[in-house]
Amino acid sequence: MDHLTPARRSKNMAAIKGRDTHPEMIVRRLVHGLGYRYRLHRRDLPGKPDLIFTSLQAVIFIHGCFWHQHDSSGCKARPPKSNSEYWLPKLQKNVERDQRNLDKLKMLGWRILVIWECETRDTEELKEKVISFLS
């Protein structure tokens, strides 16, 4: 059972940002520190990738584990227990939309890296992953 009132839960969920999130800022600082320059959230690309490296024909998405339903065993994100008849279809649509956008980008010739929110906690491993992708 949710410990917040429906009005308070609605206010909390409405306040969640779609860009400039904490995990995104971690990745942006890391990539910039490595000397790479990028564009942000190009609307003309499917899914509006978080970081775009035009000269490398590469994009990076930084996905929130809850919103994009990360299913790794090491991730702490879980489906909601309350109001699941609303949330589960909504979150499943996010996953399906993500896959459609990834498929479109691949068809356009873009290389894609998805970084999950939980992966931003280990900066050394994240750094290696980013360097490997962008090299």
Foldseek 3Di string as FASTA:
>chain_A
DDPDDPVVVVVVVVPDDDAPDPLLVLVVVLCVVVVADFDAQDPVAQPSAGTHRPVQLEGEHEEECQQQVDDDPPDPHDFDPPPNVPRVVNSVVSNVSVVVRVVRSVVVPHHYHYHYSVNSVPVVVVSVVVVVRRD
